[in-house]
Amino acid sequence: MTDVTKPIDMEEIMEILDDDKELLIECFDELLNSMPQTLVEIQSAIKEGNASSLDEAAHKFKGSLRYIAAGTAADVAYQLETMGKEENLSLADNIFSTLCEECEKVKDFMERYKAGI
């Protein structure tokens, strides 16, 4: 049974990565390094009302989050991607706040996991 309180499904990601813990750490490091800039890009697109940039940045981020099995955060990024595609940014600020909250959970989880190795 999957623990729904964890922001990353470790069973799923280890299956994706064929139980390669070294690769897992590389993936975590890559996301930890790129996440702040990606969130800035998404926030800027929202502030500028640039639906196309929001679609593009959220789509890319969603893919990264799905790859590390961070399902909830990926779902929120998908909501922003859809808003960009539909050119409807009316709720984007609220959804972005939720994305930031979910990303903080993902970040904390990855850092705790790395510290525990």
PDB file of N, CA and C in Angstrom:
ATOM      1  N   MET A   1       0.844  -1.191   0.000  1.00  0.00           N
ATOM      2  CA  MET A   1       0.000   0.000   0.000  1.00  0.00           C
ATOM      3  C   MET A   1       0.885   1.248   0.000  1.00  0.00           C
ATOM      4  N   THR A   2       0.541   2.217  -0.821  1.00  0.00           N
ATOM      5  CA  THR A   2       1.303   3.453  -0.938  1.00  0.00           C
ATOM      6  C   THR A   2       0.892   4.414   0.168  1.00  0.00           C
ATOM      7  N   ASP A   3       1.901   5.042   0.775  1.00  0.00           N
ATOM      8  CA  ASP A   3       1.650   6.046   1.803  1.00  0.00           C
ATOM      9  C   ASP A   3       1.329   7.361   1.106  1.00  0.00           C
ATOM     10  N   VAL A   4       0.072   7.758   1.154  1.00  0.00           N
ATOM     11  CA  VAL A   4      -0.355   8.948   0.422  1.00  0.00           C
ATOM     12  C   VAL A   4       0.158  10.238   1.056  1.00  0.00           C
ATOM     13  N   THR A   5       0.713  10.167   2.253  1.00  0.00           N
ATOM     14  CA  THR A   5       1.223  11.377   2.885  1.00  0.00           C
ATOM     15  C   THR A   5       2.607  11.754   2.359  1.00  0.00           C
ATOM     16  N   LYS A   6       3.278  10.846   1.692  1.00  0.00           N
ATOM     17  CA  LYS A   6       4.598  11.149   1.152  1.00  0.00           C
ATOM     18  C   LYS A   6       4.459  11.840  -0.198  1.00  0.00           C
ATOM     19  N   PRO A   7       5.208  12.924  -0.386  1.00  0.00           N
ATOM     20  CA  PRO A   7       5.089  13.658  -1.650  1.00  0.00           C
ATOM     21  C   PRO A   7       5.733  12.940  -2.840  1.00  0.00           C
ATOM     22  N   ILE A   8       6.567  11.947  -2.563  1.00  0.00           N
ATOM     23  CA  ILE A   8       7.190  11.153  -3.623  1.00  0.00           C
ATOM     24  C   ILE A   8       6.901   9.685  -3.353  1.00  0.00           C
ATOM     25  N   ASP A   9       6.425   9.000  -4.369  1.00  0.00           N
ATOM     26  CA  ASP A   9       6.144   7.565  -4.269  1.00  0.00           C
ATOM     27  C   ASP A   9       7.447   6.816  -4.531  1.00  0.00           C
ATOM     28  N   MET A  10       8.116   6.430  -3.452  1.00  0.00           N
ATOM     29  CA  MET A  10       9.439   5.807  -3.576  1.00  0.00           C
ATOM     30  C   MET A  10       9.374   4.459  -4.304  1.00  0.00           C
ATOM     31  N   GLU A  11       8.308   3.739  -4.123  1.00  0.00           N
ATOM     32  CA  GLU A  11       8.166   2.464  -4.826  1.00  0.00           C
ATOM     33  C   GLU A  11       8.126   2.705  -6.337  1.00  0.00           C
ATOM     34  N   GLU A  12       7.358   3.714  -6.736  1.00  0.00           N
ATOM     35  CA  GLU A  12       7.230   4.028  -8.156  1.00  0.00           C
ATOM     36  C   GLU A  12       8.549   4.529  -8.741  1.00  0.00           C
ATOM     37  N   ILE A  13       9.207   5.439  -8.051  1.00  0.00           N
ATOM     38  CA  ILE A  13      10.435   5.991  -8.615  1.00  0.00           C
ATOM     39  C   ILE A  13      11.544   4.944  -8.673  1.00  0.00           C
ATOM     40  N   MET A  14      11.599   4.064  -7.689  1.00  0.00           N
ATOM     41  CA  MET A  14      12.635   3.027  -7.728  1.00  0.00           C
ATOM     42  C   MET A  14      12.356   2.037  -8.863  1.00  0.00           C
ATOM     43  N   GLU A  15      11.095   1.842  -9.183  1.00  0.00           N
ATOM     44  CA  GLU A  15      10.751   1.015 -10.338  1.00  0.00           C
ATOM     45  C   GLU A  15      11.173   1.709 -11.631  1.00  0.00           C
ATOM     46  N   ILE A  16      10.885   3.007 -11.719  1.00  0.00           N
ATOM     47  CA  ILE A  16      11.277   3.793 -12.894  1.00  0.00           C
ATOM     48  C   ILE A  16      12.786   3.749 -13.087  1.00  0.00           C
ATOM     49  N   LEU A  17      13.526   3.856 -11.974  1.00  0.00           N
ATOM     50  CA  LEU A  17      14.989   3.944 -12.031  1.00  0.00           C
ATOM     51  C   LEU A  17      15.671   2.583 -11.882  1.00  0.00           C
ATOM     52  N   ASP A  18      14.897   1.508 -11.921  1.00  0.00           N
ATOM     53  CA  ASP A  18      15.446   0.158 -11.816  1.00  0.00           C
ATOM     54  C   ASP A  18      16.304  -0.001 -10.558  1.00  0.00           C
ATOM     55  N   ASP A  19      15.798   0.541  -9.448  1.00  0.00           N
ATOM     56  CA  ASP A  19      16.436   0.452  -8.123  1.00  0.00           C
ATOM     57  C   ASP A  19      17.846   1.039  -8.066  1.00  0.00           C
ATOM     58  N   ASP A  20      18.141   1.994  -8.936  1.00  0.00           N
ATOM     59  CA  ASP A  20      19.461   2.631  -8.966  1.00  0.00           C
ATOM     60  C   ASP A  20      19.455   3.841  -8.029  1.00  0.00           C
ATOM     61  N   LYS A  21      19.968   3.635  -6.805  1.00  0.00           N
ATOM     62  CA  LYS A  21      19.945   4.715  -5.815  1.00  0.00           C
ATOM     63  C   LYS A  21      20.873   5.864  -6.192  1.00  0.00           C
ATOM     64  N   GLU A  22      21.959   5.569  -6.882  1.00  0.00           N
ATOM     65  CA  GLU A  22      22.858   6.637  -7.323  1.00  0.00           C
ATOM     66  C   GLU A  22      22.140   7.554  -8.319  1.00  0.00           C
ATOM     67  N   LEU A  23      21.408   6.952  -9.245  1.00  0.00           N
ATOM     68  CA  LEU A  23      20.634   7.728 -10.207  1.00  0.00           C
ATOM     69  C   LEU A  23      19.521   8.508  -9.497  1.00  0.00           C
ATOM     70  N   LEU A  24      18.934   7.904  -8.488  1.00  0.00           N
ATOM     71  CA  LEU A  24      17.896   8.576  -7.707  1.00  0.00           C
ATOM     72  C   LEU A  24      18.445   9.867  -7.103  1.00  0.00           C
ATOM     73  N   ILE A  25      19.620   9.785  -6.500  1.00  0.00           N
ATOM     74  CA  ILE A  25      20.231  10.969  -5.891  1.00  0.00           C
ATOM     75  C   ILE A  25      20.535  12.019  -6.959  1.00  0.00           C
ATOM     76  N   GLU A  26      21.000  11.591  -8.123  1.00  0.00           N
ATOM     77  CA  GLU A  26      21.255  12.526  -9.218  1.00  0.00           C
ATOM     78  C   GLU A  26      19.960  13.230  -9.633  1.00  0.00           C
ATOM     79  N   CYS A  27      18.873  12.473  -9.725  1.00  0.00           N
ATOM     80  CA  CYS A  27      17.575  13.057 -10.089  1.00  0.00           C
ATOM     81  C   CYS A  27      17.108  14.050  -9.030  1.00  0.00           C
ATOM     82  N   PHE A  28      17.255  13.667  -7.764  1.00  0.00           N
ATOM     83  CA  PHE A  28      16.875  14.568  -6.680  1.00  0.00           C
ATOM     84  C   PHE A  28      17.711  15.841  -6.735  1.00  0.00           C
ATOM     85  N   ASP A  29      19.030  15.699  -6.918  1.00  0.00           N
ATOM     86  CA  ASP A  29      19.905  16.869  -6.976  1.00  0.00           C
ATOM     87  C   ASP A  29      19.524  17.785  -8.134  1.00  0.00           C
ATOM     88  N   GLU A  30      19.252  17.188  -9.284  1.00  0.00           N
ATOM     89  CA  GLU A  30      18.874  17.982 -10.456  1.00  0.00           C
ATOM     90  C   GLU A  30      17.602  18.779 -10.182  1.00  0.00           C
ATOM     91  N   LEU A  31      16.611  18.133  -9.605  1.00  0.00           N
ATOM     92  CA  LEU A  31      15.359  18.836  -9.320  1.00  0.00           C
ATOM     93  C   LEU A  31      15.556  19.899  -8.243  1.00  0.00           C
ATOM     94  N   LEU A  32      16.326  19.575  -7.213  1.00  0.00           N
ATOM     95  CA  LEU A  32      16.595  20.560  -6.157  1.00  0.00           C
ATOM     96  C   LEU A  32      17.291  21.796  -6.734  1.00  0.00           C
ATOM     97  N   ASN A  33      18.178  21.588  -7.679  1.00  0.00           N
ATOM     98  CA  ASN A  33      18.910  22.700  -8.287  1.00  0.00           C
ATOM     99  C   ASN A  33      18.046  23.522  -9.231  1.00  0.00           C
ATOM    100  N   SER A  34      17.152  22.860  -9.973  1.00  0.00           N
ATOM    101  CA  SER A  34      16.369  23.566 -10.986  1.00  0.00           C
ATOM    102  C   SER A  34      15.039  24.120 -10.465  1.00  0.00           C
ATOM    103  N   MET A  35      14.546  23.577  -9.366  1.00  0.00           N
ATOM    104  CA  MET A  35      13.222  23.969  -8.878  1.00  0.00           C
ATOM    105  C   MET A  35      13.072  25.465  -8.611  1.00  0.00           C
ATOM    106  N   PRO A  36      14.016  26.119  -7.924  1.00  0.00           N
ATOM    107  CA  PRO A  36      13.807  27.552  -7.661  1.00  0.00           C
ATOM    108  C   PRO A  36      13.652  28.378  -8.944  1.00  0.00           C
ATOM    109  N   GLN A  37      14.497  28.129  -9.929  1.00  0.00           N
ATOM    110  CA  GLN A  37      14.421  28.884 -11.183  1.00  0.00           C
ATOM    111  C   GLN A  37      13.121  28.583 -11.934  1.00  0.00           C
ATOM    112  N   THR A  38      12.713  27.329 -11.926  1.00  0.00           N
ATOM    113  CA  THR A  38      11.473  26.956 -12.610  1.00  0.00           C
ATOM    114  C   THR A  38      10.278  27.643 -11.970  1.00  0.00           C
ATOM    115  N   LEU A  39      10.254  27.696 -10.655  1.00  0.00           N
ATOM    116  CA  LEU A  39       9.146  28.372  -9.966  1.00  0.00           C
ATOM    117  C   LEU A  39       9.141  29.866 -10.285  1.00  0.00           C
ATOM    118  N   VAL A  40      10.322  30.468 -10.410  1.00  0.00           N
ATOM    119  CA  VAL A  40      10.413  31.878 -10.795  1.00  0.00           C
ATOM    120  C   VAL A  40       9.844  32.072 -12.207  1.00  0.00           C
ATOM    121  N   GLU A  41      10.186  31.165 -13.120  1.00  0.00           N
ATOM    122  CA  GLU A  41       9.675  31.256 -14.495  1.00  0.00           C
ATOM    123  C   GLU A  41       8.153  31.165 -14.519  1.00  0.00           C
ATOM    124  N   ILE A  42       7.608  30.238 -13.755  1.00  0.00           N
ATOM    125  CA  ILE A  42       6.153  30.068 -13.705  1.00  0.00           C
ATOM    126  C   ILE A  42       5.503  31.313 -13.108  1.00  0.00           C
ATOM    127  N   GLN A  43       6.065  31.802 -12.012  1.00  0.00           N
ATOM    128  CA  GLN A  43       5.507  32.986 -11.358  1.00  0.00           C
ATOM    129  C   GLN A  43       5.576  34.203 -12.283  1.00  0.00           C
ATOM    130  N   SER A  44       6.684  34.361 -12.984  1.00  0.00           N
ATOM    131  CA  SER A  44       6.832  35.490 -13.918  1.00  0.00           C
ATOM    132  C   SER A  44       5.793  35.421 -15.035  1.00  0.00           C
ATOM    133  N   ALA A  45       5.581  34.229 -15.564  1.00  0.00           N
ATOM    134  CA  ALA A  45       4.582  34.065 -16.622  1.00  0.00           C
ATOM    135  C   ALA A  45       3.200  34.464 -16.131  1.00  0.00           C
ATOM    136  N   ILE A  46       2.896  34.092 -14.899  1.00  0.00           N
ATOM    137  CA  ILE A  46       1.589  34.448 -14.322  1.00  0.00           C
ATOM    138  C   ILE A  46       1.489  35.963 -14.151  1.00  0.00           C
ATOM    139  N   LYS A  47       2.519  36.561 -13.559  1.00  0.00           N
ATOM    140  CA  LYS A  47       2.498  38.009 -13.311  1.00  0.00           C
ATOM    141  C   LYS A  47       2.387  38.799 -14.611  1.00  0.00           C
ATOM    142  N   GLU A  48       3.056  38.310 -15.659  1.00  0.00           N
ATOM    143  CA  GLU A  48       3.038  38.995 -16.949  1.00  0.00           C
ATOM    144  C   GLU A  48       1.785  38.663 -17.766  1.00  0.00           C
ATOM    145  N   GLY A  49       0.996  37.698 -17.288  1.00  0.00           N
ATOM    146  CA  GLY A  49      -0.188  37.279 -18.033  1.00  0.00           C
ATOM    147  C   GLY A  49       0.171  36.560 -19.324  1.00  0.00           C
ATOM    148  N   ASN A  50       1.336  35.914 -19.333  1.00  0.00           N
ATOM    149  CA  ASN A  50       1.831  35.237 -20.527  1.00  0.00           C
ATOM    150  C   ASN A  50       1.424  33.761 -20.489  1.00  0.00           C
ATOM    151  N   ALA A  51       0.281  33.467 -21.073  1.00  0.00           N
ATOM    152  CA  ALA A  51      -0.284  32.113 -21.036  1.00  0.00           C
ATOM    153  C   ALA A  51       0.635  31.102 -21.721  1.00  0.00           C
ATOM    154  N   SER A  52       1.232  31.479 -22.816  1.00  0.00           N
ATOM    155  CA  SER A  52       2.109  30.572 -23.562  1.00  0.00           C
ATOM    156  C   SER A  52       3.332  30.180 -22.736  1.00  0.00           C
ATOM    157  N   SER A  53       3.950  31.151 -22.077  1.00  0.00           N
ATOM    158  CA  SER A  53       5.117  30.865 -21.227  1.00  0.00           C
ATOM    159  C   SER A  53       4.712  30.011 -20.025  1.00  0.00           C
ATOM    160  N   LEU A  54       3.531  30.276 -19.478  1.00  0.00           N
ATOM    161  CA  LEU A  54       3.042  29.477 -18.359  1.00  0.00           C
ATOM    162  C   LEU A  54       2.850  28.033 -18.797  1.00  0.00           C
ATOM    163  N   ASP A  55       2.203  27.849 -19.931  1.00  0.00           N
ATOM    164  CA  ASP A  55       1.983  26.509 -20.482  1.00  0.00           C
ATOM    165  C   ASP A  55       3.319  25.778 -20.625  1.00  0.00           C
ATOM    166  N   GLU A  56       4.284  26.432 -21.230  1.00  0.00           N
ATOM    167  CA  GLU A  56       5.582  25.816 -21.496  1.00  0.00           C
ATOM    168  C   GLU A  56       6.336  25.471 -20.201  1.00  0.00           C
ATOM    169  N   ALA A  57       6.437  26.423 -19.287  1.00  0.00           N
ATOM    170  CA  ALA A  57       7.186  26.201 -18.047  1.00  0.00           C
ATOM    171  C   ALA A  57       6.504  25.149 -17.169  1.00  0.00           C
ATOM    172  N   ALA A  58       5.186  25.232 -17.054  1.00  0.00           N
ATOM    173  CA  ALA A  58       4.455  24.271 -16.218  1.00  0.00           C
ATOM    174  C   ALA A  58       4.507  22.879 -16.829  1.00  0.00           C
ATOM    175  N   HIS A  59       4.455  22.785 -18.148  1.00  0.00           N
ATOM    176  CA  HIS A  59       4.533  21.483 -18.827  1.00  0.00           C
ATOM    177  C   HIS A  59       5.876  20.812 -18.538  1.00  0.00           C
ATOM    178  N   LYS A  60       6.948  21.567 -18.688  1.00  0.00           N
ATOM    179  CA  LYS A  60       8.290  21.036 -18.436  1.00  0.00           C
ATOM    180  C   LYS A  60       8.433  20.588 -16.969  1.00  0.00           C
ATOM    181  N   PHE A  61       7.947  21.424 -16.064  1.00  0.00           N
ATOM    182  CA  PHE A  61       8.055  21.118 -14.642  1.00  0.00           C
ATOM    183  C   PHE A  61       7.221  19.896 -14.279  1.00  0.00           C
ATOM    184  N   LYS A  62       6.031  19.809 -14.850  1.00  0.00           N
ATOM    185  CA  LYS A  62       5.159  18.649 -14.621  1.00  0.00           C
ATOM    186  C   LYS A  62       5.895  17.363 -14.982  1.00  0.00           C
ATOM    187  N   GLY A  63       6.578  17.378 -16.117  1.00  0.00           N
ATOM    188  CA  GLY A  63       7.321  16.196 -16.551  1.00  0.00           C
ATOM    189  C   GLY A  63       8.402  15.808 -15.564  1.00  0.00           C
ATOM    190  N   SER A  64       9.125  16.778 -15.063  1.00  0.00           N
ATOM    191  CA  SER A  64      10.179  16.502 -14.076  1.00  0.00           C
ATOM    192  C   SER A  64       9.587  15.927 -12.796  1.00  0.00           C
ATOM    193  N   LEU A  65       8.476  16.491 -12.368  1.00  0.00           N
ATOM    194  CA  LEU A  65       7.829  16.007 -11.137  1.00  0.00           C
ATOM    195  C   LEU A  65       7.264  14.600 -11.315  1.00  0.00           C
ATOM    196  N   ARG A  66       6.690  14.335 -12.478  1.00  0.00           N
ATOM    197  CA  ARG A  66       6.165  12.984 -12.734  1.00  0.00           C
ATOM    198  C   ARG A  66       7.306  11.964 -12.760  1.00  0.00           C
ATOM    199  N   TYR A  67       8.441  12.356 -13.334  1.00  0.00           N
ATOM    200  CA  TYR A  67       9.574  11.443 -13.438  1.00  0.00           C
ATOM    201  C   TYR A  67      10.065  10.996 -12.065  1.00  0.00           C
ATOM    202  N   ILE A  68      10.002  11.897 -11.074  1.00  0.00           N
ATOM    203  CA  ILE A  68      10.428  11.500  -9.732  1.00  0.00           C
ATOM    204  C   ILE A  68       9.247  11.033  -8.879  1.00  0.00           C
ATOM    205  N   ALA A  69       8.122  10.788  -9.515  1.00  0.00           N
ATOM    206  CA  ALA A  69       6.930  10.235  -8.859  1.00  0.00           C
ATOM    207  C   ALA A  69       6.373  11.155  -7.766  1.00  0.00           C
ATOM    208  N   ALA A  70       6.437  12.465  -8.031  1.00  0.00           N
ATOM    209  CA  ALA A  70       5.845  13.451  -7.131  1.00  0.00           C
ATOM    210  C   ALA A  70       4.468  13.808  -7.689  1.00  0.00           C
ATOM    211  N   GLY A  71       3.542  12.882  -7.528  1.00  0.00           N
ATOM    212  CA  GLY A  71       2.246  12.959  -8.191  1.00  0.00           C
ATOM    213  C   GLY A  71       1.411  14.178  -7.866  1.00  0.00           C
ATOM    214  N   THR A  72       1.316  14.538  -6.595  1.00  0.00           N
ATOM    215  CA  THR A  72       0.466  15.674  -6.227  1.00  0.00           C
ATOM    216  C   THR A  72       1.018  16.969  -6.805  1.00  0.00           C
ATOM    217  N   ALA A  73       2.319  17.186  -6.657  1.00  0.00           N
ATOM    218  CA  ALA A  73       2.934  18.401  -7.208  1.00  0.00           C
ATOM    219  C   ALA A  73       2.795  18.419  -8.733  1.00  0.00           C
ATOM    220  N   ALA A  74       2.974  17.271  -9.374  1.00  0.00           N
ATOM    221  CA  ALA A  74       2.829  17.189 -10.834  1.00  0.00           C
ATOM    222  C   ALA A  74       1.400  17.527 -11.257  1.00  0.00           C
ATOM    223  N   ASP A  75       0.421  17.067 -10.489  1.00  0.00           N
ATOM    224  CA  ASP A  75      -0.980  17.369 -10.804  1.00  0.00           C
ATOM    225  C   ASP A  75      -1.251  18.874 -10.722  1.00  0.00           C
ATOM    226  N   VAL A  76      -0.648  19.537  -9.740  1.00  0.00           N
ATOM    227  CA  VAL A  76      -0.831  20.980  -9.599  1.00  0.00           C
ATOM    228  C   VAL A  76      -0.155  21.704 -10.766  1.00  0.00           C
ATOM    229  N   ALA A  77       1.044  21.260 -11.141  1.00  0.00           N
ATOM    230  CA  ALA A  77       1.728  21.851 -12.299  1.00  0.00           C
ATOM    231  C   ALA A  77       0.874  21.666 -13.560  1.00  0.00           C
ATOM    232  N   TYR A  78       0.224  20.510 -13.662  1.00  0.00           N
ATOM    233  CA  TYR A  78      -0.650  20.251 -14.810  1.00  0.00           C
ATOM    234  C   TYR A  78      -1.824  21.232 -14.845  1.00  0.00           C
ATOM    235  N   GLN A  79      -2.347  21.575 -13.683  1.00  0.00           N
ATOM    236  CA  GLN A  79      -3.435  22.564 -13.635  1.00  0.00           C
ATOM    237  C   GLN A  79      -2.964  23.898 -14.214  1.00  0.00           C
ATOM    238  N   LEU A  80      -1.737  24.297 -13.862  1.00  0.00           N
ATOM    239  CA  LEU A  80      -1.193  25.544 -14.403  1.00  0.00           C
ATOM    240  C   LEU A  80      -0.933  25.426 -15.902  1.00  0.00           C
ATOM    241  N   GLU A  81      -0.445  24.278 -16.326  1.00  0.00           N
ATOM    242  CA  GLU A  81      -0.232  24.041 -17.756  1.00  0.00           C
ATOM    243  C   GLU A  81      -1.547  24.205 -18.521  1.00  0.00           C
ATOM    244  N   THR A  82      -2.598  23.606 -17.995  1.00  0.00           N
ATOM    245  CA  THR A  82      -3.912  23.688 -18.632  1.00  0.00           C
ATOM    246  C   THR A  82      -4.411  25.127 -18.684  1.00  0.00           C
ATOM    247  N   MET A  83      -4.189  25.867 -17.602  1.00  0.00           N
ATOM    248  CA  MET A  83      -4.596  27.278 -17.591  1.00  0.00           C
ATOM    249  C   MET A  83      -3.871  28.046 -18.690  1.00  0.00           C
ATOM    250  N   GLY A  84      -2.594  27.736 -18.872  1.00  0.00           N
ATOM    251  CA  GLY A  84      -1.833  28.378 -19.938  1.00  0.00           C
ATOM    252  C   GLY A  84      -2.380  28.018 -21.309  1.00  0.00           C
ATOM    253  N   LYS A  85      -2.646  26.728 -21.524  1.00  0.00           N
ATOM    254  CA  LYS A  85      -3.190  26.270 -22.813  1.00  0.00           C
ATOM    255  C   LYS A  85      -4.527  26.944 -23.119  1.00  0.00           C
ATOM    256  N   GLU A  86      -5.353  27.059 -22.081  1.00  0.00           N
ATOM    257  CA  GLU A  86      -6.690  27.633 -22.257  1.00  0.00           C
ATOM    258  C   GLU A  86      -6.691  29.160 -22.176  1.00  0.00           C
ATOM    259  N   GLU A  87      -5.518  29.736 -21.913  1.00  0.00           N
ATOM    260  CA  GLU A  87      -5.379  31.192 -21.777  1.00  0.00           C
ATOM    261  C   GLU A  87      -6.343  31.769 -20.756  1.00  0.00           C
ATOM    262  N   ASN A  88      -6.466  31.067 -19.641  1.00  0.00           N
ATOM    263  CA  ASN A  88      -7.322  31.510 -18.539  1.00  0.00           C
ATOM    264  C   ASN A  88      -6.491  31.484 -17.265  1.00  0.00           C
ATOM    265  N   LEU A  89      -5.943  32.642 -16.916  1.00  0.00           N
ATOM    266  CA  LEU A  89      -5.046  32.714 -15.760  1.00  0.00           C
ATOM    267  C   LEU A  89      -5.735  33.278 -14.519  1.00  0.00           C
ATOM    268  N   SER A  90      -7.053  33.298 -14.518  1.00  0.00           N
ATOM    269  CA  SER A  90      -7.789  33.939 -13.426  1.00  0.00           C
ATOM    270  C   SER A  90      -7.490  33.332 -12.053  1.00  0.00           C
ATOM    271  N   LEU A  91      -7.265  32.036 -11.986  1.00  0.00           N
ATOM    272  CA  LEU A  91      -6.972  31.388 -10.698  1.00  0.00           C
ATOM    273  C   LEU A  91      -5.505  30.979 -10.569  1.00  0.00           C
ATOM    274  N   ALA A  92      -4.683  31.433 -11.485  1.00  0.00           N
ATOM    275  CA  ALA A  92      -3.290  30.983 -11.532  1.00  0.00           C
ATOM    276  C   ALA A  92      -2.512  31.332 -10.267  1.00  0.00           C
ATOM    277  N   ASP A  93      -2.759  32.504  -9.686  1.00  0.00           N
ATOM    278  CA  ASP A  93      -2.047  32.879  -8.456  1.00  0.00           C
ATOM    279  C   ASP A  93      -2.325  31.883  -7.335  1.00  0.00           C
ATOM    280  N   ASN A  94      -3.586  31.498  -7.188  1.00  0.00           N
ATOM    281  CA  ASN A  94      -3.952  30.540  -6.138  1.00  0.00           C
ATOM    282  C   ASN A  94      -3.326  29.173  -6.391  1.00  0.00           C
ATOM    283  N   ILE A  95      -3.373  28.724  -7.621  1.00  0.00           N
ATOM    284  CA  ILE A  95      -2.807  27.416  -7.964  1.00  0.00           C
ATOM    285  C   ILE A  95      -1.283  27.457  -7.808  1.00  0.00           C
ATOM    286  N   PHE A  96      -0.671  28.586  -8.152  1.00  0.00           N
ATOM    287  CA  PHE A  96       0.774  28.716  -7.974  1.00  0.00           C
ATOM    288  C   PHE A  96       1.144  28.604  -6.498  1.00  0.00           C
ATOM    289  N   SER A  97       0.354  29.199  -5.616  1.00  0.00           N
ATOM    290  CA  SER A  97       0.610  29.082  -4.172  1.00  0.00           C
ATOM    291  C   SER A  97       0.558  27.623  -3.733  1.00  0.00           C
ATOM    292  N   THR A  98      -0.411  26.891  -4.267  1.00  0.00           N
ATOM    293  CA  THR A  98      -0.515  25.461  -3.950  1.00  0.00           C
ATOM    294  C   THR A  98       0.703  24.722  -4.489  1.00  0.00           C
ATOM    295  N   LEU A  99       1.141  25.069  -5.689  1.00  0.00           N
ATOM    296  CA  LEU A  99       2.325  24.427  -6.253  1.00  0.00           C
ATOM    297  C   LEU A  99       3.545  24.667  -5.367  1.00  0.00           C
ATOM    298  N   CYS A 100       3.707  25.882  -4.898  1.00  0.00           N
ATOM    299  CA  CYS A 100       4.840  26.193  -4.014  1.00  0.00           C
ATOM    300  C   CYS A 100       4.789  25.361  -2.735  1.00  0.00           C
ATOM    301  N   GLU A 101       3.609  25.209  -2.164  1.00  0.00           N
ATOM    302  CA  GLU A 101       3.446  24.390  -0.958  1.00  0.00           C
ATOM    303  C   GLU A 101       3.824  22.939  -1.237  1.00  0.00           C
ATOM    304  N   GLU A 102       3.341  22.404  -2.350  1.00  0.00           N
ATOM    305  CA  GLU A 102       3.651  21.011  -2.694  1.00  0.00           C
ATOM    306  C   GLU A 102       5.143  20.833  -2.995  1.00  0.00           C
ATOM    307  N   CYS A 103       5.734  21.824  -3.651  1.00  0.00           N
ATOM    308  CA  CYS A 103       7.169  21.743  -3.961  1.00  0.00           C
ATOM    309  C   CYS A 103       8.010  21.784  -2.692  1.00  0.00           C
ATOM    310  N   GLU A 104       7.565  22.540  -1.708  1.00  0.00           N
ATOM    311  CA  GLU A 104       8.278  22.575  -0.431  1.00  0.00           C
ATOM    312  C   GLU A 104       8.257  21.193   0.228  1.00  0.00           C
ATOM    313  N   LYS A 105       7.127  20.511   0.142  1.00  0.00           N
ATOM    314  CA  LYS A 105       7.030  19.147   0.680  1.00  0.00           C
ATOM    315  C   LYS A 105       7.972  18.208  -0.071  1.00  0.00           C
ATOM    316  N   VAL A 106       7.995  18.333  -1.394  1.00  0.00           N
ATOM    317  CA  VAL A 106       8.873  17.495  -2.219  1.00  0.00           C
ATOM    318  C   VAL A 106      10.334  17.770  -1.865  1.00  0.00           C
ATOM    319  N   LYS A 107      10.675  19.046  -1.771  1.00  0.00           N
ATOM    320  CA  LYS A 107      12.051  19.455  -1.446  1.00  0.00           C
ATOM    321  C   LYS A 107      12.461  18.903  -0.080  1.00  0.00           C
ATOM    322  N   ASP A 108      11.610  19.076   0.924  1.00  0.00           N
ATOM    323  CA  ASP A 108      11.914  18.572   2.272  1.00  0.00           C
ATOM    324  C   ASP A 108      12.098  17.060   2.252  1.00  0.00           C
ATOM    325  N   PHE A 109      11.237  16.365   1.513  1.00  0.00           N
ATOM    326  CA  PHE A 109      11.326  14.906   1.436  1.00  0.00           C
ATOM    327  C   PHE A 109      12.650  14.491   0.804  1.00  0.00           C
ATOM    328  N   MET A 110      13.017  15.127  -0.308  1.00  0.00           N
ATOM    329  CA  MET A 110      14.263  14.764  -0.990  1.00  0.00           C
ATOM    330  C   MET A 110      15.479  15.035  -0.095  1.00  0.00           C
ATOM    331  N   GLU A 111      15.458  16.150   0.591  1.00  0.00           N
ATOM    332  CA  GLU A 111      16.592  16.487   1.477  1.00  0.00           C
ATOM    333  C   GLU A 111      16.685  15.513   2.654  1.00  0.00           C
ATOM    334  N   ARG A 112      15.536  15.152   3.217  1.00  0.00           N
ATOM    335  CA  ARG A 112      15.546  14.178   4.328  1.00  0.00           C
ATOM    336  C   ARG A 112      16.023  12.819   3.828  1.00  0.00           C
ATOM    337  N   TYR A 113      15.575  12.427   2.650  1.00  0.00           N
ATOM    338  CA  TYR A 113      15.990  11.141   2.090  1.00  0.00           C
ATOM    339  C   TYR A 113      17.501  11.131   1.874  1.00  0.00           C
ATOM    340  N   LYS A 114      18.024  12.171   1.280  1.00  0.00           N
ATOM    341  CA  LYS A 114      19.467  12.243   1.017  1.00  0.00           C
ATOM    342  C   LYS A 114      20.265  12.239   2.324  1.00  0.00           C
ATOM    343  N   ALA A 115      19.765  12.912   3.343  1.00  0.00           N
ATOM    344  CA  ALA A 115      20.462  12.971   4.630  1.00  0.00           C
ATOM    345  C   ALA A 115      20.468  11.613   5.330  1.00  0.00           C
ATOM    346  N   GLY A 116      19.470  10.794   5.020  1.00  0.00           N
ATOM    347  CA  GLY A 116      19.347   9.503   5.666  1.00  0.00           C
ATOM    348  C   GLY A 116      20.140   8.388   5.022  1.00  0.00           C
ATOM    349  N   ILE A 117      20.782   8.676   3.902  1.00  0.00           N
ATOM    350  CA  ILE A 117      21.531   7.627   3.188  1.00  0.00           C
ATOM    351  C   ILE A 117      22.853   7.376   3.854  1.00  0.00           C
TER     352      ILE A 117
END
